[in-house]
Amino acid sequence: MIIAVIVFIAALIVGMPIAFVLGLFGTTHILAMGNEAFLNVLVTRMFSGVNIISISCIPFFIMAGELMNGGGVTARLLNFLCESIGRFRGGLGYCTVAISAILAAILGSAQAVCALLCRVLVGELEKDNYPPAFSGALISAASVLGPIIPPSTMFIFYCMLTDVSIKYMFIAGIVPGIILALAYCVVIFLEVRHMDLKRPEGHFSLRRFGIAFLKAVPALLVPVIIMGGILSGIFTPTESGAVACVVAFVAGLVYREMKLSKLPQMMLNTAISTAAIFLIIAFGNIIAWSMAMDGIPDMIINFITSITTNRYIIIAMIIVLLTLVGCVLDMASATLIFLPVLFPLIQMIGMDPVHFGIVFSLMITIGMITPPVGQCLFITTNITKTPFMDICKRIGLFVIVAIGTTTALAYLPDVVLIIPRLMGYTGT
């Protein structure tokens, strides 16, 4: 195992694509186990990792996001939010969090939300005199809502590896996502007091608000259809993704910004993104299998339980571990490597699997805004050209609030599971 870890770290340092890093790590681990016959199952494990019906919704969610991006949806959403909450001091900051939450329910990916918000909001924030470093930190932090508010590719990863119900994971993500968004709003309220922001022009107008709402209705219908279909049982997650694509396409036609000439490029982008995700899943499945065969989860469980058997202390240890993991590994790698290890542990201490799924997803996602390997920080830096260290200095309070919120949720299962239980969930 030590040799495999060394190979893994070396491959990361030299910049090898993460999918191949995972494949090399898993193959090295199998070789280190000393049974060359295990190599015969590599292809089988890769294929079985992606031959799962539950992950077939991923390309549909990605395509829906592409259609929304190319159909003029974001501009209408931003205008609607500015007319509703943008008149307060720091209103554009609150709008950033709100539009991120809405886009999260469409795109399901922190990277996609971050890239889109950077292109749309940086200029607007600059016009209102927000410091560039704070704007970058705000957009990066807000994009973390992407994998938390359903639908979420992170939830799909989790359910694929644990056989937990995707429907109840999606439902359970609603309350934590809203709580985290409100926590970010508190940070914005505290921060903007020290900024010389431009005052919003004009006053609230019911007429302007009504017009902005009507224009945003087609865009708002997409997340409503996705979640409404899943919650009501009309659609499976895969079917809801397909329907969302249709609605997003129609919305683009309504806005008269959807050009048929854009469709081939959108489909190509969807294919590339889907292939990258599926390749990571395929190689990650090798790691999950090799670690199970080598008894790594049992070793870690025995080590932790030799220190303590108190479930509350174990939960705290898991949160600390995931915080450190998030600082050095990307979301996919951390999930595929550590979830097979930690899931048996939480089962042993009697933690509800859906509750743990939300906590795990939050902690792994927060890693996307923690240096030195915060993917959203790098996306923001590359698009906005704001120095990486400047953004890191302003992201700290958002990270602290996010971790604090997640820690509280980890010890409040009734808050996380309130809606799933109302919808018929009977877990522990």
Protein backbone atom coordinates (compact mmCIF):
# COMPACT_ATOMS: atom_id res chain seq x y z
CA MET A 1 0.00 0.00 0.00
CA ILE A 2 2.87 2.38 0.80
CA ILE A 3 4.33 1.90 -2.68
CA ALA A 4 0.93 2.65 -4.23
CA VAL A 5 0.63 5.87 -2.17
CA ILE A 6 4.10 6.98 -3.28
CA VAL A 7 3.18 6.34 -6.93
CA PHE A 8 -0.08 8.24 -6.42
CA ILE A 9 1.67 11.30 -4.95
CA ALA A 10 4.37 11.25 -7.64
CA ALA A 11 1.77 11.05 -10.42
CA LEU A 12 -0.10 14.02 -8.96
CA ILE A 13 3.09 16.08 -8.68
CA VAL A 14 4.04 15.53 -12.33
CA GLY A 15 0.56 16.62 -13.41
CA MET A 16 -0.85 13.35 -14.74
CA PRO A 17 -4.63 13.53 -15.45
CA ILE A 18 -6.52 12.48 -12.35
CA ALA A 19 -8.29 9.54 -14.04
CA PHE A 20 -4.96 7.96 -14.95
CA VAL A 21 -3.57 8.77 -11.50
CA LEU A 22 -6.40 6.73 -9.99
CA GLY A 23 -5.86 3.88 -12.46
CA LEU A 24 -2.12 3.81 -11.78
CA PHE A 25 -2.71 3.87 -8.04
CA GLY A 26 -5.16 0.96 -8.20
CA THR A 27 -2.98 -1.12 -10.50
CA THR A 28 0.12 -0.52 -8.36
CA HIS A 29 -1.81 -1.49 -5.26
CA ILE A 30 -2.93 -4.75 -6.91
CA LEU A 31 0.67 -5.55 -7.92
CA ALA A 32 1.88 -4.76 -4.39
CA MET A 33 -0.63 -7.29 -3.02
CA GLY A 34 1.48 -9.99 -4.71
CA ASN A 35 -1.27 -11.81 -6.58
CA GLU A 36 -0.87 -11.22 -10.31
CA ALA A 37 -4.11 -13.09 -11.00
CA PHE A 38 -5.94 -10.04 -9.72
CA LEU A 39 -4.80 -8.16 -12.84
CA ASN A 40 -7.27 -10.24 -14.83
CA VAL A 41 -10.17 -8.40 -13.21
CA LEU A 42 -9.00 -4.85 -14.07
CA VAL A 43 -11.10 -4.45 -17.20
CA THR A 44 -14.07 -6.17 -15.59
CA ARG A 45 -13.96 -3.82 -12.60
CA MET A 46 -13.64 -0.76 -14.84
CA PHE A 47 -16.64 -1.81 -16.91
CA SER A 48 -18.77 -2.73 -13.89
CA GLY A 49 -17.98 0.66 -12.37
CA VAL A 50 -19.78 2.51 -15.18
CA ASN A 51 -22.33 -0.17 -16.08
CA ILE A 52 -24.76 1.22 -13.51
CA ILE A 53 -28.13 2.65 -14.45
CA SER A 54 -28.04 5.28 -11.68
CA ILE A 55 -25.18 7.22 -13.30
CA SER A 56 -26.86 7.42 -16.70
CA CYS A 57 -28.47 10.69 -15.57
CA ILE A 58 -25.09 12.46 -15.50
CA PRO A 59 -24.87 13.24 -19.25
CA PHE A 60 -28.44 14.57 -19.23
CA PHE A 61 -27.70 16.98 -16.36
CA ILE A 62 -24.53 18.13 -18.13
CA MET A 63 -26.42 18.63 -21.40
CA ALA A 64 -29.17 20.56 -19.59
CA GLY A 65 -26.48 22.87 -18.20
CA GLU A 66 -24.99 23.39 -21.67
CA LEU A 67 -28.43 24.24 -23.06
CA MET A 68 -29.07 26.67 -20.21
CA ASN A 69 -25.71 28.35 -20.73
CA GLY A 70 -26.29 28.81 -24.43
CA GLY A 71 -29.91 29.90 -24.14
CA GLY A 72 -29.58 33.22 -22.30
CA VAL A 73 -30.91 31.84 -19.04
CA THR A 74 -28.36 33.29 -16.62
CA ALA A 75 -28.94 36.90 -17.62
CA ARG A 76 -32.69 36.57 -16.98
CA LEU A 77 -32.13 34.92 -13.62
CA LEU A 78 -29.69 37.62 -12.53
CA ASN A 79 -32.05 40.40 -13.59
CA PHE A 80 -34.91 38.79 -11.65
CA LEU A 81 -32.80 38.42 -8.50
CA CYS A 82 -31.47 41.98 -8.75
CA GLU A 83 -35.03 43.29 -8.94
CA SER A 84 -36.02 41.27 -5.86
CA ILE A 85 -33.08 41.37 -3.43
CA GLY A 86 -30.53 43.54 -5.24
CA ARG A 87 -31.77 46.79 -3.70
CA PHE A 88 -30.23 46.05 -0.31
CA ARG A 89 -26.70 47.04 0.64
CA GLY A 90 -24.52 44.22 -0.64
CA GLY A 91 -27.49 43.10 -2.73
CA LEU A 92 -25.37 41.86 -5.65
CA GLY A 93 -23.45 39.67 -3.20
CA TYR A 94 -26.70 38.09 -2.03
CA CYS A 95 -27.75 37.73 -5.67
CA THR A 96 -24.51 35.84 -6.33
CA VAL A 97 -25.37 33.28 -3.66
CA ALA A 98 -28.99 33.04 -4.81
CA ILE A 99 -28.20 32.57 -8.50
CA SER A 100 -25.57 30.00 -7.56
CA ALA A 101 -28.23 28.05 -5.63
CA ILE A 102 -30.59 28.16 -8.64
CA LEU A 103 -27.86 27.17 -11.10
CA ALA A 104 -26.82 24.42 -8.68
CA ALA A 105 -30.26 22.90 -9.14
CA ILE A 106 -29.62 22.88 -12.89
CA LEU A 107 -25.92 22.15 -13.37
CA GLY A 108 -25.15 20.02 -10.30
CA SER A 109 -21.42 20.80 -10.55
CA ALA A 110 -19.29 23.28 -8.61
CA GLN A 111 -16.85 23.72 -11.50
CA ALA A 112 -19.63 24.48 -13.98
CA VAL A 113 -21.33 26.97 -11.63
CA CYS A 114 -18.00 28.65 -10.83
CA ALA A 115 -16.98 29.06 -14.48
CA LEU A 116 -20.39 30.43 -15.45
CA LEU A 117 -20.60 32.90 -12.55
CA CYS A 118 -17.07 34.17 -13.21
CA ARG A 119 -17.99 35.07 -16.78
CA VAL A 120 -21.30 36.69 -15.85
CA LEU A 121 -20.82 38.32 -12.44
CA VAL A 122 -17.23 39.53 -12.13
CA GLY A 123 -17.86 42.59 -14.28
CA GLU A 124 -21.10 43.39 -12.45
CA LEU A 125 -19.43 43.09 -9.04
CA GLU A 126 -16.60 45.31 -10.22
CA LYS A 127 -19.08 48.00 -11.29
CA ASP A 128 -20.48 48.03 -7.73
CA ASN A 129 -16.95 48.51 -6.29
CA TYR A 130 -16.56 45.02 -4.79
CA PRO A 131 -12.83 44.28 -4.31
CA PRO A 132 -11.65 41.80 -6.98
CA ALA A 133 -10.27 39.38 -4.38
CA PHE A 134 -13.56 39.35 -2.45
CA SER A 135 -15.54 38.88 -5.68
CA GLY A 136 -13.37 35.88 -6.58
CA ALA A 137 -13.71 34.40 -3.10
CA LEU A 138 -17.49 34.95 -3.09
CA ILE A 139 -17.99 33.29 -6.47
CA SER A 140 -15.74 30.37 -5.50
CA ALA A 141 -17.56 29.85 -2.20
CA ALA A 142 -21.01 30.18 -3.76
CA SER A 143 -20.15 27.61 -6.42
CA VAL A 144 -19.77 25.00 -3.65
CA LEU A 145 -23.57 24.93 -3.52
CA GLY A 146 -23.44 23.15 -6.90
CA PRO A 147 -22.80 19.62 -5.60
CA ILE A 148 -25.05 20.09 -2.55
CA ILE A 149 -28.35 21.42 -3.85
CA PRO A 150 -29.92 18.63 -5.91
CA PRO A 151 -29.56 17.32 -8.54
CA SER A 152 -25.90 16.66 -7.80
CA THR A 153 -23.25 14.55 -9.49
CA MET A 154 -21.58 14.25 -6.08
CA PHE A 155 -24.73 12.60 -4.69
CA ILE A 156 -24.82 10.26 -7.67
CA PHE A 157 -21.20 9.25 -6.96
CA TYR A 158 -22.07 8.61 -3.34
CA CYS A 159 -25.19 6.57 -4.08
CA MET A 160 -23.38 4.57 -6.77
CA LEU A 161 -20.72 3.49 -4.26
CA THR A 162 -23.05 2.84 -1.32
CA ASP A 163 -26.40 1.73 -2.83
CA VAL A 164 -28.17 4.55 -0.99
CA SER A 165 -31.38 5.87 -2.60
CA ILE A 166 -30.65 8.74 -5.01
CA LYS A 167 -34.16 10.07 -4.48
CA TYR A 168 -33.71 10.49 -0.71
CA MET A 169 -30.18 11.88 -1.12
CA PHE A 170 -31.54 14.53 -3.47
CA ILE A 171 -34.32 15.39 -1.02
CA ALA A 172 -31.93 15.50 1.94
CA GLY A 173 -29.69 18.02 0.16
CA ILE A 174 -32.36 20.73 0.08
CA VAL A 175 -32.24 21.92 3.72
CA PRO A 176 -28.41 21.80 4.11
CA GLY A 177 -28.04 23.67 0.81
CA ILE A 178 -30.38 26.43 1.99
CA ILE A 179 -28.69 26.63 5.40
CA LEU A 180 -25.24 26.95 3.80
CA ALA A 181 -26.53 29.65 1.42
CA LEU A 182 -27.95 31.60 4.38
CA ALA A 183 -24.65 31.20 6.26
CA TYR A 184 -22.85 32.71 3.26
CA CYS A 185 -25.29 35.62 3.33
CA VAL A 186 -24.29 36.30 6.93
CA VAL A 187 -20.63 36.45 5.83
CA ILE A 188 -21.55 38.89 3.06
CA PHE A 189 -23.50 41.06 5.55
CA LEU A 190 -20.45 41.25 7.82
CA GLU A 191 -17.96 41.87 5.01
CA VAL A 192 -19.81 44.57 3.06
CA ARG A 193 -19.97 46.83 6.11
CA HIS A 194 -16.31 47.65 5.49
CA MET A 195 -16.66 48.25 1.73
CA ASP A 196 -17.41 51.44 -0.16
CA LEU A 197 -20.05 49.93 -2.40
CA LYS A 198 -22.04 51.70 -5.07
CA ARG A 199 -25.61 52.36 -3.97
CA PRO A 200 -28.28 50.60 -6.04
CA GLU A 201 -29.98 52.94 -8.50
CA GLY A 202 -33.70 53.56 -8.13
CA HIS A 203 -36.16 51.90 -5.79
CA PHE A 204 -38.04 48.64 -5.78
CA SER A 205 -40.64 48.57 -8.53
CA LEU A 206 -43.41 45.99 -8.51
CA ARG A 207 -43.81 46.46 -12.26
CA ARG A 208 -40.11 45.79 -12.99
CA PHE A 209 -40.16 42.85 -10.60
CA GLY A 210 -43.18 41.33 -12.34
CA ILE A 211 -41.66 41.71 -15.80
CA ALA A 212 -38.34 40.23 -14.61
CA PHE A 213 -40.17 37.30 -13.00
CA LEU A 214 -42.16 36.54 -16.16
CA LYS A 215 -38.95 36.56 -18.21
CA ALA A 216 -37.28 34.23 -15.70
CA VAL A 217 -40.16 31.72 -15.53
CA PRO A 218 -38.82 29.43 -18.31
CA ALA A 219 -35.45 29.32 -16.54
CA LEU A 220 -37.01 28.66 -13.13
CA LEU A 221 -39.10 25.83 -14.56
CA VAL A 222 -36.04 23.66 -15.19
CA PRO A 223 -35.08 22.95 -11.53
CA VAL A 224 -38.78 22.76 -10.61
CA ILE A 225 -39.34 20.05 -13.22
CA ILE A 226 -36.19 18.14 -12.24
CA MET A 227 -36.95 18.05 -8.52
CA GLY A 228 -40.72 17.97 -8.85
CA GLY A 229 -40.57 14.95 -11.13
CA ILE A 230 -38.18 13.08 -8.85
CA LEU A 231 -40.02 13.91 -5.61
CA SER A 232 -43.42 13.03 -7.01
CA GLY A 233 -42.16 9.77 -8.48
CA ILE A 234 -43.21 10.77 -12.01
CA PHE A 235 -39.60 10.66 -13.24
CA THR A 236 -36.54 8.69 -12.32
CA PRO A 237 -33.41 10.88 -11.98
CA THR A 238 -32.38 9.84 -15.50
CA GLU A 239 -35.78 10.66 -16.97
CA SER A 240 -35.86 14.01 -15.14
CA GLY A 241 -32.51 14.89 -16.69
CA ALA A 242 -33.86 14.11 -20.16
CA VAL A 243 -36.98 16.20 -19.55
CA ALA A 244 -34.81 19.03 -18.21
CA CYS A 245 -32.88 19.03 -21.50
CA VAL A 246 -36.13 19.46 -23.42
CA VAL A 247 -37.31 22.29 -21.14
CA ALA A 248 -33.91 24.02 -21.27
CA PHE A 249 -33.95 23.84 -25.07
CA VAL A 250 -37.47 25.28 -25.23
CA ALA A 251 -36.47 28.03 -22.77
CA GLY A 252 -33.60 28.97 -25.08
CA LEU A 253 -36.03 29.17 -28.01
CA VAL A 254 -38.39 31.36 -25.96
CA TYR A 255 -35.51 33.72 -25.18
CA ARG A 256 -34.54 33.62 -28.89
CA GLU A 257 -30.91 32.97 -28.02
CA MET A 258 -30.81 29.25 -28.77
CA LYS A 259 -29.20 28.74 -32.16
CA LEU A 260 -29.26 25.30 -33.74
CA SER A 261 -25.70 25.90 -34.93
CA LYS A 262 -24.61 25.79 -31.25
CA LEU A 263 -26.00 22.31 -30.63
CA PRO A 264 -23.09 20.27 -32.08
CA GLN A 265 -20.59 22.10 -29.84
CA MET A 266 -22.87 21.65 -26.81
CA MET A 267 -23.15 17.94 -27.51
CA LEU A 268 -19.39 17.69 -27.91
CA ASN A 269 -18.83 19.49 -24.59
CA THR A 270 -21.32 17.13 -22.95
CA ALA A 271 -19.60 14.07 -24.40
CA ILE A 272 -16.16 15.25 -23.25
CA SER A 273 -17.35 16.04 -19.72
CA THR A 274 -19.27 12.77 -19.45
CA ALA A 275 -16.33 10.73 -20.73
CA ALA A 276 -14.01 12.38 -18.20
CA ILE A 277 -16.39 11.61 -15.31
CA PHE A 278 -16.99 8.03 -16.42
CA LEU A 279 -13.27 7.40 -16.84
CA ILE A 280 -12.65 8.60 -13.30
CA ILE A 281 -15.44 6.33 -12.04
CA ALA A 282 -14.05 3.35 -13.97
CA PHE A 283 -10.51 3.72 -12.63
CA GLY A 284 -11.80 4.61 -9.15
CA ASN A 285 -13.69 1.34 -9.04
CA ILE A 286 -10.35 -0.49 -9.30
CA ILE A 287 -9.18 1.31 -6.16
CA ALA A 288 -12.38 0.53 -4.26
CA TRP A 289 -12.07 -3.15 -5.17
CA SER A 290 -8.34 -3.46 -4.41
CA MET A 291 -8.71 -1.73 -1.03
CA ALA A 292 -11.59 -4.04 -0.12
CA MET A 293 -9.56 -7.11 -1.14
CA ASP A 294 -6.59 -5.91 0.91
CA GLY A 295 -8.74 -5.28 3.99
CA ILE A 296 -7.86 -1.56 4.20
CA PRO A 297 -11.31 -0.48 5.47
CA ASP A 298 -11.16 -3.03 8.30
CA MET A 299 -7.67 -1.88 9.27
CA ILE A 300 -8.75 1.76 9.48
CA ILE A 301 -11.89 0.87 11.43
CA ASN A 302 -9.85 -1.19 13.89
CA PHE A 303 -7.35 1.66 14.27
CA ILE A 304 -10.02 4.26 14.98
CA THR A 305 -12.03 2.04 17.32
CA SER A 306 -8.85 1.23 19.23
CA ILE A 307 -8.66 4.95 20.06
CA THR A 308 -12.34 5.48 20.86
CA THR A 309 -15.77 3.93 20.35
CA ASN A 310 -17.67 7.14 21.10
CA ARG A 311 -19.72 7.92 17.96
CA TYR A 312 -19.52 11.69 18.51
CA ILE A 313 -15.74 11.64 18.74
CA ILE A 314 -15.55 9.39 15.68
CA ILE A 315 -17.73 11.84 13.71
CA ALA A 316 -15.40 14.66 14.76
CA MET A 317 -12.37 12.62 13.62
CA ILE A 318 -14.05 11.98 10.26
CA ILE A 319 -14.70 15.71 9.78
CA VAL A 320 -11.07 16.56 10.58
CA LEU A 321 -9.87 13.83 8.20
CA LEU A 322 -12.11 15.03 5.36
CA THR A 323 -11.00 18.63 5.93
CA LEU A 324 -7.37 17.59 5.48
CA VAL A 325 -8.21 15.36 2.52
CA GLY A 326 -10.04 18.20 0.80
CA CYS A 327 -6.91 20.36 0.99
CA VAL A 328 -4.85 17.97 -1.13
CA LEU A 329 -7.24 15.85 -3.25
CA ASP A 330 -9.92 16.74 -5.77
CA MET A 331 -13.53 15.74 -5.13
CA ALA A 332 -13.62 12.64 -7.34
CA SER A 333 -10.37 11.19 -6.01
CA ALA A 334 -11.29 11.82 -2.38
CA THR A 335 -14.69 10.22 -2.84
CA LEU A 336 -13.50 7.13 -4.67
CA ILE A 337 -10.61 6.52 -2.25
CA PHE A 338 -12.08 7.38 1.15
CA LEU A 339 -15.78 6.59 0.87
CA PRO A 340 -15.25 2.79 0.71
CA VAL A 341 -13.13 3.18 3.85
CA LEU A 342 -15.43 5.43 5.87
CA PHE A 343 -18.83 4.00 4.96
CA PRO A 344 -18.37 0.74 6.94
CA LEU A 345 -17.23 2.85 9.88
CA ILE A 346 -20.36 5.00 9.98
CA GLN A 347 -22.49 1.87 9.64
CA MET A 348 -20.70 0.46 12.67
CA ILE A 349 -21.47 3.54 14.81
CA GLY A 350 -25.10 3.61 13.62
CA MET A 351 -24.99 6.86 11.61
CA ASP A 352 -27.73 7.12 9.01
CA PRO A 353 -26.27 6.60 5.49
CA VAL A 354 -28.24 9.50 3.96
CA HIS A 355 -27.21 11.80 6.82
CA PHE A 356 -23.58 10.76 6.40
CA GLY A 357 -23.90 11.23 2.63
CA ILE A 358 -24.81 14.89 3.10
CA VAL A 359 -21.98 15.48 5.61
CA PHE A 360 -19.46 13.64 3.44
CA SER A 361 -20.54 15.50 0.31
CA LEU A 362 -20.35 18.86 2.08
CA MET A 363 -16.87 18.23 3.47
CA ILE A 364 -15.48 16.92 0.18
CA THR A 365 -17.05 19.83 -1.69
CA ILE A 366 -15.62 22.40 0.72
CA GLY A 367 -12.23 21.00 -0.29
CA MET A 368 -12.81 22.62 -3.68
CA ILE A 369 -12.31 26.06 -2.07
CA THR A 370 -9.48 25.18 0.32
CA PRO A 371 -5.86 25.77 -0.76
CA PRO A 372 -3.61 24.43 -2.10
CA VAL A 373 -5.69 22.18 -4.43
CA GLY A 374 -9.01 24.04 -4.48
CA GLN A 375 -10.27 23.53 -8.02
CA CYS A 376 -12.79 26.38 -7.84
CA LEU A 377 -10.06 28.76 -6.68
CA PHE A 378 -7.98 27.89 -9.75
CA ILE A 379 -10.98 28.31 -12.06
CA THR A 380 -11.72 31.73 -10.60
CA THR A 381 -8.07 32.77 -10.82
CA ASN A 382 -7.75 31.68 -14.44
CA ILE A 383 -10.94 33.39 -15.61
CA THR A 384 -10.77 36.61 -13.56
CA LYS A 385 -6.96 36.96 -13.58
CA THR A 386 -7.11 37.77 -9.85
CA PRO A 387 -3.95 36.56 -8.06
CA PHE A 388 -4.46 33.16 -6.44
CA MET A 389 -3.07 34.24 -3.05
CA ASP A 390 -5.37 37.28 -2.93
CA ILE A 391 -8.42 35.06 -3.35
CA CYS A 392 -7.07 32.61 -0.74
CA LYS A 393 -6.82 35.46 1.79
CA ARG A 394 -10.49 36.36 1.34
CA ILE A 395 -11.88 32.81 1.15
CA GLY A 396 -10.95 31.98 4.75
CA LEU A 397 -14.14 33.22 6.43
CA PHE A 398 -16.32 31.41 3.88
CA VAL A 399 -14.42 28.17 4.52
CA ILE A 400 -14.72 28.52 8.31
CA VAL A 401 -18.46 29.15 8.07
CA ALA A 402 -18.93 26.24 5.66
CA ILE A 403 -17.02 23.80 7.91
CA GLY A 404 -18.83 25.10 11.01
CA THR A 405 -22.21 24.66 9.31
CA THR A 406 -21.31 21.12 8.21
CA THR A 407 -20.08 20.21 11.70
CA ALA A 408 -23.36 21.39 13.20
CA LEU A 409 -25.33 19.37 10.64
CA ALA A 410 -23.22 16.30 11.42
CA TYR A 411 -24.61 16.33 14.96
CA LEU A 412 -28.16 17.30 13.96
CA PRO A 413 -29.50 14.40 11.88
CA ASP A 414 -33.12 15.47 12.40
CA VAL A 415 -32.43 18.73 10.53
CA VAL A 416 -30.88 16.93 7.56
CA LEU A 417 -33.49 14.17 7.42
CA ILE A 418 -36.62 16.21 8.12
CA ILE A 419 -37.82 16.35 4.49
CA PRO A 420 -36.79 12.78 3.56
CA ARG A 421 -38.77 11.48 6.56
CA LEU A 422 -41.80 13.53 5.51
CA MET A 423 -41.46 11.92 2.07
CA GLY A 424 -41.45 8.41 3.49
CA TYR A 425 -37.80 7.74 4.35
CA THR A 426 -37.55 5.14 7.09
CA GLY A 427 -33.79 5.01 7.69
CA THR A 428 -32.26 5.06 11.15
